[in-house]
């Protein structure tokens, strides 16, 4: 189970936006925690901002019947009449071939094997390797939970540079970070300029026993994030975590930045149904506006 299917994470993220969580059990031993967004009398099941994958989990005994479980889940959602979007993490996507009547779209992410910093740099592009080695001494890498607010501010700044507002209120996002840190499912890493003391890059990492996720991340323009990622990869390796999911490769400029660390490109899928009635019209309108 990824941290994105953790009850505390789903409830906390839904609270950031004032939405609700609808548990939906499937006979095969699967459970979905669907986030419901309401607009007046209309509602739909959505993938909230800051959630790359839907909150789906299953008993170990049900793993071999994942596809049947997803078909049943799809049927139950269709019966509700509500539009829905499900994002299946790569391991689930590999076992999935579709739900009748739902549209399916391939998405991609980069996954980095954790390793010592020098090994990560050896596998990185020449330009990234030179950049990190040139600026490594300009930063110290810290893991300090008091830096959560600074990371959220850097994330907000990144949205602002693209003419967008941070989804959700910063204080509520910080509260969710604190919840996951106390649960032992998150850690904070920052690159602090050794000359000025300024935090120039930061990541809130979510993790399970084997995989860490580049969840909330932001940086000032410059080399700080390039220095931070290999350092975090090495720290995670020391903690016994094997993989570092760099969380998305669907925007060309961002994908190129992540590719340069030698990460593997991995596919996953989004599946969508439009529901029925007026809620269906609302979903169609939102989908077209997002394109």
Protein backbone atom coordinates (compact mmCIF):
# COMPACT_ATOMS: atom_id res chain seq x y z
CA UNK A 1 0.00 0.00 0.00
CA UNK A 2 1.41 3.38 -0.98
CA UNK A 3 1.16 6.28 1.47
CA UNK A 4 -1.41 7.78 -0.90
CA UNK A 5 -3.84 5.03 0.20
CA UNK A 6 -3.24 5.67 3.91
CA UNK A 7 -6.44 6.66 5.72
CA UNK A 8 -4.69 9.62 7.38
CA UNK A 9 -3.35 10.94 4.11
CA UNK A 10 -6.64 10.66 2.24
CA UNK A 11 -8.66 12.24 5.04
CA UNK A 12 -6.09 15.02 5.51
CA UNK A 13 -5.88 15.79 1.80
CA UNK A 14 -9.66 15.86 1.41
CA UNK A 15 -9.80 18.27 4.36
CA UNK A 16 -7.39 20.64 2.58
CA UNK A 17 -10.09 21.26 -0.04
CA UNK A 18 -13.20 20.75 2.08
CA UNK A 19 -14.11 17.55 0.24
CA UNK A 20 -15.25 14.21 1.68
CA UNK A 21 -14.00 10.64 1.62
CA UNK A 22 -16.28 7.81 0.49
CA UNK A 23 -15.03 4.28 1.34
CA UNK A 24 -16.06 1.68 -1.23
CA UNK A 25 -15.38 -2.01 -0.52
CA UNK A 26 -15.18 -4.67 -3.20
CA UNK A 27 -15.96 -8.34 -2.62
CA UNK A 28 -12.50 -9.51 -3.72
CA UNK A 29 -10.87 -7.84 -0.72
CA UNK A 30 -10.16 -4.48 -2.34
CA UNK A 31 -11.02 -1.14 -0.77
CA UNK A 32 -11.13 2.28 -2.41
CA UNK A 33 -11.15 5.59 -0.56
CA UNK A 34 -12.81 7.85 -3.10
CA UNK A 35 -12.57 11.62 -2.69
CA UNK A 36 -15.91 13.24 -3.49
CA UNK A 37 -16.07 16.84 -4.66
CA UNK A 38 -19.47 18.51 -4.51
CA UNK A 39 -20.56 21.57 -6.47
CA UNK A 40 -24.02 22.44 -5.22
CA UNK A 41 -26.21 19.37 -5.80
CA UNK A 42 -23.64 17.83 -8.18
CA UNK A 43 -20.81 15.54 -7.16
CA UNK A 44 -17.97 13.55 -8.67
CA UNK A 45 -15.11 11.32 -7.54
CA UNK A 46 -11.84 13.13 -8.20
CA UNK A 47 -8.10 12.78 -7.97
CA UNK A 48 -7.20 15.71 -5.70
CA UNK A 49 -4.19 17.94 -6.25
CA UNK A 50 -1.07 16.46 -4.60
CA UNK A 51 -2.39 12.88 -5.04
CA UNK A 52 -0.70 11.15 -7.99
CA UNK A 53 -2.56 7.87 -7.46
CA UNK A 54 -6.02 6.94 -6.24
CA UNK A 55 -6.35 5.47 -2.77
CA UNK A 56 -6.74 1.79 -3.65
CA UNK A 57 -5.61 -1.15 -1.57
CA UNK A 58 -6.22 -4.85 -1.34
CA UNK A 59 -5.55 -7.87 0.83
CA UNK A 60 -2.50 -9.90 -0.13
CA UNK A 61 -4.79 -12.78 -1.06
CA UNK A 62 -6.66 -10.53 -3.49
CA UNK A 63 -3.58 -9.35 -5.39
CA UNK A 64 -3.96 -12.01 -8.09
CA UNK A 65 -7.52 -10.86 -8.78
CA UNK A 66 -6.79 -7.12 -9.02
CA UNK A 67 -8.36 -6.80 -12.45
CA UNK A 68 -11.62 -8.41 -11.34
CA UNK A 69 -11.65 -6.15 -8.30
CA UNK A 70 -11.20 -3.06 -10.46
CA UNK A 71 -14.01 -4.19 -12.75
CA UNK A 72 -16.31 -4.55 -9.76
CA UNK A 73 -15.21 -1.17 -8.40
CA UNK A 74 -15.89 0.39 -11.79
CA UNK A 75 -19.37 -1.17 -11.87
CA UNK A 76 -20.17 0.20 -8.42
CA UNK A 77 -19.02 3.69 -9.41
CA UNK A 78 -21.09 3.57 -12.61
CA UNK A 79 -24.11 2.49 -10.55
CA UNK A 80 -23.66 5.59 -8.38
CA UNK A 81 -24.10 7.74 -11.50
CA UNK A 82 -21.17 9.97 -10.53
CA UNK A 83 -18.30 10.90 -12.83
CA UNK A 84 -15.00 9.48 -11.62
CA UNK A 85 -11.28 9.50 -12.28
CA UNK A 86 -9.04 6.70 -11.02
CA UNK A 87 -5.23 6.86 -11.25
CA UNK A 88 -3.63 3.43 -10.89
CA UNK A 89 -0.09 3.23 -9.56
CA UNK A 90 2.34 1.38 -11.88
CA UNK A 91 2.07 -2.03 -10.15
CA UNK A 92 -1.73 -1.94 -10.49
CA UNK A 93 -1.59 -0.56 -14.02
CA UNK A 94 0.55 -3.51 -15.11
CA UNK A 95 -2.32 -5.85 -14.19
CA UNK A 96 -5.10 -3.78 -15.72
CA UNK A 97 -6.52 -3.87 -19.24
CA UNK A 98 -9.52 -1.56 -18.92
CA UNK A 99 -13.07 -1.14 -17.65
CA UNK A 100 -15.84 -1.36 -20.28
CA UNK A 101 -17.28 2.07 -20.99
CA UNK A 102 -14.41 3.92 -19.30
CA UNK A 103 -11.72 5.84 -21.17
CA UNK A 104 -8.10 5.05 -20.42
CA UNK A 105 -5.06 7.31 -20.80
CA UNK A 106 -1.43 6.38 -20.29
CA UNK A 107 0.64 8.56 -17.98
CA UNK A 108 4.31 8.34 -17.03
CA UNK A 109 6.65 8.85 -14.10
CA UNK A 110 10.39 8.53 -13.51
CA UNK A 111 11.63 6.12 -10.84
CA UNK A 112 15.17 6.38 -9.57
CA UNK A 113 17.01 3.51 -7.89
CA UNK A 114 18.41 4.81 -4.62
CA UNK A 115 22.18 4.63 -4.32
CA UNK A 116 25.23 6.48 -3.04
CA UNK A 117 25.43 10.00 -4.41
CA UNK A 118 28.39 9.20 -6.65
CA UNK A 119 26.55 6.25 -8.21
CA UNK A 120 23.50 8.42 -8.93
CA UNK A 121 25.77 11.05 -10.47
CA UNK A 122 27.58 8.43 -12.54
CA UNK A 123 24.20 7.45 -14.04
CA UNK A 124 23.11 11.07 -14.54
CA UNK A 125 23.64 13.16 -17.64
CA UNK A 126 27.04 14.82 -18.05
CA UNK A 127 25.52 18.30 -17.64
CA UNK A 128 23.76 17.34 -14.39
CA UNK A 129 26.90 15.66 -13.06
CA UNK A 130 28.98 18.79 -13.72
CA UNK A 131 26.33 21.08 -12.22
CA UNK A 132 26.02 19.09 -8.99
CA UNK A 133 29.77 18.71 -8.50
CA UNK A 134 30.32 22.41 -9.14
CA UNK A 135 27.72 23.51 -6.57
CA UNK A 136 27.68 20.68 -4.00
CA UNK A 137 29.74 22.67 -1.50
CA UNK A 138 27.40 25.65 -1.83
CA UNK A 139 24.69 23.78 0.09
CA UNK A 140 24.23 21.70 3.18
CA UNK A 141 21.48 19.10 3.14
CA UNK A 142 19.21 19.14 6.18
CA UNK A 143 16.33 17.01 7.40
CA UNK A 144 14.40 19.22 9.78
CA UNK A 145 10.64 19.02 10.29
CA UNK A 146 10.56 22.73 11.11
CA UNK A 147 11.30 23.37 7.41
CA UNK A 148 7.86 22.20 6.27
CA UNK A 149 6.52 25.75 6.00
CA UNK A 150 9.53 26.79 3.92
CA UNK A 151 8.98 23.89 1.51
CA UNK A 152 5.29 24.75 1.11
CA UNK A 153 6.31 28.36 0.41
CA UNK A 154 8.74 27.16 -2.29
CA UNK A 155 5.97 25.03 -3.80
CA UNK A 156 3.68 28.06 -3.83
CA UNK A 157 6.41 30.09 -5.50
CA UNK A 158 6.76 27.48 -8.25
CA UNK A 159 3.03 27.70 -8.97
CA UNK A 160 3.27 31.48 -9.02
CA UNK A 161 6.05 31.47 -11.61
CA UNK A 162 3.67 29.60 -13.91
CA UNK A 163 0.85 32.07 -13.31
CA UNK A 164 -1.10 29.74 -11.02
CA UNK A 165 -2.15 29.74 -7.38
CA UNK A 166 -1.23 27.03 -4.89
CA UNK A 167 -4.16 24.56 -4.67
CA UNK A 168 -5.42 24.61 -1.11
CA UNK A 169 -4.49 26.77 1.86
CA UNK A 170 -0.81 26.57 2.90
CA UNK A 171 -1.65 26.05 6.59
CA UNK A 172 -3.81 23.02 5.77
CA UNK A 173 -1.11 21.56 3.54
CA UNK A 174 1.39 22.02 6.36
CA UNK A 175 -1.03 20.26 8.73
CA UNK A 176 -1.19 17.28 6.36
CA UNK A 177 2.62 17.16 6.21
CA UNK A 178 2.74 17.13 10.01
CA UNK A 179 0.19 14.30 10.16
CA UNK A 180 2.27 12.13 7.82
CA UNK A 181 5.54 12.97 9.59
CA UNK A 182 4.06 11.95 12.95
CA UNK A 183 2.80 8.74 11.35
CA UNK A 184 6.35 7.92 10.24
CA UNK A 185 5.36 8.15 6.57
CA UNK A 186 7.07 11.41 5.59
CA UNK A 187 10.35 13.26 5.90
CA UNK A 188 11.56 16.73 4.95
CA UNK A 189 14.83 17.45 3.11
CA UNK A 190 16.17 20.87 2.21
CA UNK A 191 19.19 22.39 0.50
CA UNK A 192 20.39 25.33 2.58
CA UNK A 193 22.76 27.87 1.04
CA UNK A 194 25.92 27.76 3.17
CA UNK A 195 26.66 31.44 2.55
CA UNK A 196 23.23 32.99 3.16
CA UNK A 197 21.46 30.35 5.26
CA UNK A 198 18.50 30.51 2.86
CA UNK A 199 16.52 27.37 2.06
CA UNK A 200 16.71 27.25 -1.73
CA UNK A 201 15.16 23.84 -2.40
CA UNK A 202 13.02 21.44 -0.44
CA UNK A 203 11.17 18.16 -0.72
CA UNK A 204 8.58 16.55 1.54
CA UNK A 205 9.03 12.86 0.79
CA UNK A 206 6.26 10.34 1.45
CA UNK A 207 7.35 6.72 1.76
CA UNK A 208 6.40 3.15 2.50
CA UNK A 209 8.87 0.38 3.35
CA UNK A 210 10.48 0.20 -0.10
CA UNK A 211 9.52 3.28 -2.14
CA UNK A 212 9.78 7.01 -1.51
CA UNK A 213 7.80 9.63 -3.39
CA UNK A 214 8.93 13.12 -4.43
CA UNK A 215 5.68 14.53 -3.11
CA UNK A 216 5.87 18.26 -2.32
CA UNK A 217 8.85 19.92 -3.92
CA UNK A 218 9.93 23.42 -4.78
CA UNK A 219 13.05 25.46 -5.33
CA UNK A 220 14.36 28.85 -6.19
CA UNK A 221 15.75 29.12 -9.74
CA UNK A 222 19.27 27.74 -9.70
CA UNK A 223 21.18 24.52 -8.92
CA UNK A 224 19.78 23.74 -5.46
CA UNK A 225 17.26 21.06 -6.49
CA UNK A 226 19.83 19.37 -8.72
CA UNK A 227 22.11 19.10 -5.69
CA UNK A 228 19.29 17.97 -3.40
CA UNK A 229 17.89 15.03 -5.40
CA UNK A 230 21.04 12.85 -5.49
CA UNK A 231 21.68 13.61 -1.82
CA UNK A 232 18.17 12.50 -0.89
CA UNK A 233 18.56 9.38 -3.03
CA UNK A 234 21.62 8.46 -0.98
CA UNK A 235 19.88 9.15 2.34
CA UNK A 236 16.93 6.97 1.33
CA UNK A 237 19.33 4.17 0.37
CA UNK A 238 20.82 4.26 3.87
CA UNK A 239 17.30 3.90 5.27
CA UNK A 240 16.68 0.72 3.25
CA UNK A 241 14.35 2.36 0.71
CA UNK A 242 15.00 0.98 -2.76
CA UNK A 243 13.18 3.33 -5.13
CA UNK A 244 12.60 7.06 -5.37
CA UNK A 245 9.56 7.91 -7.52
CA UNK A 246 10.17 11.38 -8.91
CA UNK A 247 6.42 11.81 -9.34
CA UNK A 248 5.42 12.45 -12.88
CA UNK A 249 6.90 12.87 -16.34
CA UNK A 250 3.92 14.36 -18.12
CA UNK A 251 5.15 17.94 -18.57
CA UNK A 252 8.03 18.02 -21.07
CA UNK A 253 10.31 20.48 -19.26
CA UNK A 254 9.84 18.76 -15.89
CA UNK A 255 10.26 15.32 -17.44
CA UNK A 256 13.55 16.37 -19.03
CA UNK A 257 14.88 17.62 -15.67
CA UNK A 258 14.06 14.30 -14.01
CA UNK A 259 15.35 12.20 -16.91
CA UNK A 260 18.83 13.63 -16.42
CA UNK A 261 19.23 11.76 -13.12
CA UNK A 262 19.22 8.42 -14.93
CA UNK A 263 15.78 7.39 -13.67
CA UNK A 264 13.63 4.77 -15.42
CA UNK A 265 10.54 5.92 -17.30
CA UNK A 266 7.54 3.93 -16.02
CA UNK A 267 3.94 4.02 -17.24
CA UNK A 268 0.69 4.05 -15.30
CA UNK A 269 -2.90 4.77 -16.30
CA UNK A 270 -5.78 7.14 -15.66
CA UNK A 271 -9.26 5.72 -16.22
CA UNK A 272 -12.35 7.88 -16.34
CA UNK A 273 -16.12 7.55 -16.54
CA UNK A 274 -18.47 10.46 -17.20
CA UNK A 275 -21.37 9.39 -15.00
CA UNK A 276 -24.98 10.17 -15.77
CA UNK A 277 -27.29 13.18 -15.82
CA UNK A 278 -26.28 16.71 -14.90
CA UNK A 279 -23.15 15.52 -13.06
CA UNK A 280 -21.97 14.03 -16.35
CA UNK A 281 -22.38 17.41 -18.08
CA UNK A 282 -20.34 19.08 -15.34
CA UNK A 283 -17.57 16.51 -15.71
CA UNK A 284 -17.46 16.96 -19.48
CA UNK A 285 -17.20 20.72 -19.10
CA UNK A 286 -14.33 20.46 -16.61
CA UNK A 287 -12.49 17.95 -18.78
CA UNK A 288 -12.67 20.22 -21.83
CA UNK A 289 -11.53 23.26 -19.83
CA UNK A 290 -8.52 21.27 -18.54
CA UNK A 291 -7.39 20.27 -22.04
